[in-house]
Amino acid sequence: MANELTVSASLGYAKNSYTVTLARTGAKFNVSGTKYHQAVQTIGTSEEALNKGDIGTIGYCLLINRDATNYVSVRRATGEGNMIKLKPGEFALFRCEATAPYAVANVAACELEVLMIED
C-alpha cells in the first residue's frame, strides 16, 4: 500500500503591518513500518526517555504539551541539550531523526501526549 500517512501543517503570523502564512496540507507519504505508538506520558523534572512502544525506527512524531502551566523540553538523547520547547498547550510535528528521544519538564511534571509512526 502507498501513501499511508497524511500530514498537514500551517503557520500564520500577523502583527503590526506584517502578515505571513505558510501551509502544506494533505501531504501523503509512504510508510515502511507497520507500528505506531500513542499515549499520554507523564514527564518529570528529570530527563526520561519518550516511550516509543514497539516501534523500531521512529518516523513522524506529534507531541502535545497538555499541561496548563509548565513547559516540556525534548532532547535527541540522554544528556544532550534541548532541541524542542513546548510551552503549555503547544505542539510539535516533525520527522524524528533520534533513536531514543528524551524529555524533561521545567518545574513540575507535565502530561505529554505522544503519537509516533514507525518509519
C-alpha atoms as a PDB file:
ATOM      1  CA  MET A   1       0.000   0.000   0.000  1.00  0.00           C
ATOM      2  CA  ALA A   2       1.239   3.536  -0.685  1.00  0.00           C
ATOM      3  CA  ASN A   3       0.583   6.941   0.823  1.00  0.00           C
ATOM      4  CA  GLU A   4      -0.499   5.545   4.202  1.00  0.00           C
ATOM      5  CA  LEU A   5       0.467   8.715   6.090  1.00  0.00           C
ATOM      6  CA  THR A   6      -1.209  12.101   5.642  1.00  0.00           C
ATOM      7  CA  VAL A   7       0.417  15.181   7.173  1.00  0.00           C
ATOM      8  CA  SER A   8      -0.863  18.756   7.303  1.00  0.00           C
ATOM      9  CA  ALA A   9       0.637  21.853   8.901  1.00  0.00           C
ATOM     10  CA  SER A  10       0.175  25.594   8.770  1.00  0.00           C
ATOM     11  CA  LEU A  11       1.724  28.583  10.470  1.00  0.00           C
ATOM     12  CA  GLY A  12       0.385  32.114  10.323  1.00  0.00           C
ATOM     13  CA  TYR A  13       1.714  35.331  11.818  1.00  0.00           C
ATOM     14  CA  ALA A  14       0.043  38.747  11.909  1.00  0.00           C
ATOM     15  CA  LYS A  15       1.468  41.662  13.873  1.00  0.00           C
ATOM     16  CA  ASN A  16       1.662  45.370  13.124  1.00  0.00           C
ATOM     17  CA  SER A  17       1.662  45.584   9.321  1.00  0.00           C
ATOM     18  CA  TYR A  18       3.135  42.110   8.758  1.00  0.00           C
ATOM     19  CA  THR A  19       1.110  39.076   7.789  1.00  0.00           C
ATOM     20  CA  VAL A  20       2.671  35.830   6.628  1.00  0.00           C
ATOM     21  CA  THR A  21       1.401  32.295   6.234  1.00  0.00           C
ATOM     22  CA  LEU A  22       2.991  29.024   5.239  1.00  0.00           C
ATOM     23  CA  ALA A  23       0.893  25.900   4.839  1.00  0.00           C
ATOM     24  CA  ARG A  24       1.149  22.401   3.462  1.00  0.00           C
ATOM     25  CA  THR A  25      -1.997  20.345   3.672  1.00  0.00           C
ATOM     26  CA  GLY A  26      -2.726  16.784   2.713  1.00  0.00           C
ATOM     27  CA  ALA A  27       0.868  15.753   2.020  1.00  0.00           C
ATOM     28  CA  LYS A  28       0.958  11.971   1.613  1.00  0.00           C
ATOM     29  CA  PHE A  29       3.932   9.746   2.364  1.00  0.00           C
ATOM     30  CA  ASN A  30       4.779   6.060   2.225  1.00  0.00           C
ATOM     31  CA  VAL A  31       5.475   4.259   5.494  1.00  0.00           C
ATOM     32  CA  SER A  32       7.700   1.169   5.538  1.00  0.00           C
ATOM     33  CA  GLY A  33       6.853   0.095   9.092  1.00  0.00           C
ATOM     34  CA  THR A  34       3.560  -1.149  10.467  1.00  0.00           C
ATOM     35  CA  LYS A  35       3.622   0.090  14.047  1.00  0.00           C
ATOM     36  CA  TYR A  36       2.540   3.233  15.863  1.00  0.00           C
ATOM     37  CA  HIS A  37       2.506   4.343  19.488  1.00  0.00           C
ATOM     38  CA  GLN A  38       0.013   6.762  21.019  1.00  0.00           C
ATOM     39  CA  ALA A  39      -0.066   7.594  24.721  1.00  0.00           C
ATOM     40  CA  VAL A  40      -0.083  10.327  27.315  1.00  0.00           C
ATOM     41  CA  GLN A  41       3.216  10.195  29.185  1.00  0.00           C
ATOM     42  CA  THR A  42       3.892  11.982  32.460  1.00  0.00           C
ATOM     43  CA  ILE A  43       7.218  13.781  32.053  1.00  0.00           C
ATOM     44  CA  GLY A  44       9.034  14.635  35.277  1.00  0.00           C
ATOM     45  CA  THR A  45      11.732  17.175  36.091  1.00  0.00           C
ATOM     46  CA  SER A  46      14.496  14.622  35.491  1.00  0.00           C
ATOM     47  CA  GLU A  47      15.005  13.673  31.854  1.00  0.00           C
ATOM     48  CA  GLU A  48      13.332  10.468  30.744  1.00  0.00           C
ATOM     49  CA  ALA A  49      13.053   8.518  27.519  1.00  0.00           C
ATOM     50  CA  LEU A  50       9.947   9.034  25.440  1.00  0.00           C
ATOM     51  CA  ASN A  51       8.099   5.746  25.340  1.00  0.00           C
ATOM     52  CA  LYS A  52       8.014   4.508  21.761  1.00  0.00           C
ATOM     53  CA  GLY A  53       6.258   1.199  22.397  1.00  0.00           C
ATOM     54  CA  ASP A  54       7.250  -1.491  19.871  1.00  0.00           C
ATOM     55  CA  ILE A  55       8.427   0.987  17.233  1.00  0.00           C
ATOM     56  CA  GLY A  56      11.846   0.174  15.808  1.00  0.00           C
ATOM     57  CA  THR A  57      12.697   3.382  13.949  1.00  0.00           C
ATOM     58  CA  ILE A  58      10.618   6.461  14.698  1.00  0.00           C
ATOM     59  CA  GLY A  59       9.290   8.286  11.649  1.00  0.00           C
ATOM     60  CA  TYR A  60       6.796  11.101  12.149  1.00  0.00           C
ATOM     61  CA  CYS A  61       6.076  12.295  15.658  1.00  0.00           C
ATOM     62  CA  LEU A  62       3.421  14.623  17.094  1.00  0.00           C
ATOM     63  CA  LEU A  63       3.903  15.891  20.658  1.00  0.00           C
ATOM     64  CA  ILE A  64       1.342  17.995  22.559  1.00  0.00           C
ATOM     65  CA  ASN A  65       2.053  19.526  25.965  1.00  0.00           C
ATOM     66  CA  ARG A  66      -1.229  19.077  27.871  1.00  0.00           C
ATOM     67  CA  ASP A  67      -0.003  20.987  30.950  1.00  0.00           C
ATOM     68  CA  ALA A  68      -1.640  24.341  31.757  1.00  0.00           C
ATOM     69  CA  THR A  69       1.400  25.901  33.472  1.00  0.00           C
ATOM     70  CA  ASN A  70       4.784  24.346  32.700  1.00  0.00           C
ATOM     71  CA  TYR A  71       6.845  23.693  29.605  1.00  0.00           C
ATOM     72  CA  VAL A  72       8.481  20.481  28.394  1.00  0.00           C
ATOM     73  CA  SER A  73      11.808  20.261  26.570  1.00  0.00           C
ATOM     74  CA  VAL A  74      12.705  17.457  24.152  1.00  0.00           C
ATOM     75  CA  ARG A  75      16.240  16.169  23.545  1.00  0.00           C
ATOM     76  CA  ARG A  76      17.731  13.913  20.860  1.00  0.00           C
ATOM     77  CA  ALA A  77      19.220  11.626  23.530  1.00  0.00           C
ATOM     78  CA  THR A  78      20.052  11.476  27.201  1.00  0.00           C
ATOM     79  CA  GLY A  79      22.435  14.186  28.374  1.00  0.00           C
ATOM     80  CA  GLU A  80      22.058  16.290  25.222  1.00  0.00           C
ATOM     81  CA  GLY A  81      20.834  19.870  25.034  1.00  0.00           C
ATOM     82  CA  ASN A  82      17.206  20.753  24.441  1.00  0.00           C
ATOM     83  CA  MET A  83      16.082  20.898  20.799  1.00  0.00           C
ATOM     84  CA  ILE A  84      12.320  21.473  21.180  1.00  0.00           C
ATOM     85  CA  LYS A  85      10.486  23.558  23.787  1.00  0.00           C
ATOM     86  CA  LEU A  86       6.746  23.103  24.200  1.00  0.00           C
ATOM     87  CA  LYS A  87       5.079  25.754  26.312  1.00  0.00           C
ATOM     88  CA  PRO A  88       1.682  24.923  27.890  1.00  0.00           C
ATOM     89  CA  GLY A  89      -0.720  23.788  25.157  1.00  0.00           C
ATOM     90  CA  GLU A  90       1.906  23.918  22.407  1.00  0.00           C
ATOM     91  CA  PHE A  91       2.682  21.093  19.992  1.00  0.00           C
ATOM     92  CA  ALA A  92       5.349  19.973  17.553  1.00  0.00           C
ATOM     93  CA  LEU A  93       5.009  17.830  14.425  1.00  0.00           C
ATOM     94  CA  PHE A  94       8.242  16.535  12.924  1.00  0.00           C
ATOM     95  CA  ARG A  95      10.084  13.614  11.370  1.00  0.00           C
ATOM     96  CA  CYS A  96      12.235  12.204  14.151  1.00  0.00           C
ATOM     97  CA  GLU A  97      15.913  11.588  13.488  1.00  0.00           C
ATOM     98  CA  ALA A  98      16.631  10.451  17.062  1.00  0.00           C
ATOM     99  CA  THR A  99      16.725   6.775  18.042  1.00  0.00           C
ATOM    100  CA  ALA A 100      15.773   7.393  21.671  1.00  0.00           C
ATOM    101  CA  PRO A 101      14.460  10.912  22.318  1.00  0.00           C
ATOM    102  CA  TYR A 102      14.203  12.209  25.879  1.00  0.00           C
ATOM    103  CA  ALA A 103      12.014  14.850  27.517  1.00  0.00           C
ATOM    104  CA  VAL A 104      12.128  16.878  30.733  1.00  0.00           C
ATOM    105  CA  ALA A 105       9.626  19.203  32.427  1.00  0.00           C
ATOM    106  CA  ASN A 106      10.898  22.531  33.745  1.00  0.00           C
ATOM    107  CA  VAL A 107       9.226  22.960  37.206  1.00  0.00           C
ATOM    108  CA  ALA A 108       6.695  20.189  37.762  1.00  0.00           C
ATOM    109  CA  ALA A 109       5.609  17.032  35.970  1.00  0.00           C
ATOM    110  CA  CYS A 110       3.679  17.570  32.721  1.00  0.00           C
ATOM    111  CA  GLU A 111       1.362  15.416  30.660  1.00  0.00           C
ATOM    112  CA  LEU A 112       2.827  14.996  27.165  1.00  0.00           C
ATOM    113  CA  GLU A 113       0.596  13.431  24.523  1.00  0.00           C
ATOM    114  CA  VAL A 114       2.628  11.455  22.007  1.00  0.00           C
ATOM    115  CA  LEU A 115       1.835   9.912  18.629  1.00  0.00           C
ATOM    116  CA  MET A 116       4.726   8.201  16.841  1.00  0.00           C
ATOM    117  CA  ILE A 117       4.522   6.439  13.478  1.00  0.00           C
ATOM    118  CA  GLU A 118       7.159   3.862  12.607  1.00  0.00           C
ATOM    119  CA  ASP A 119       9.384   4.862   9.693  1.00  0.00           C
END
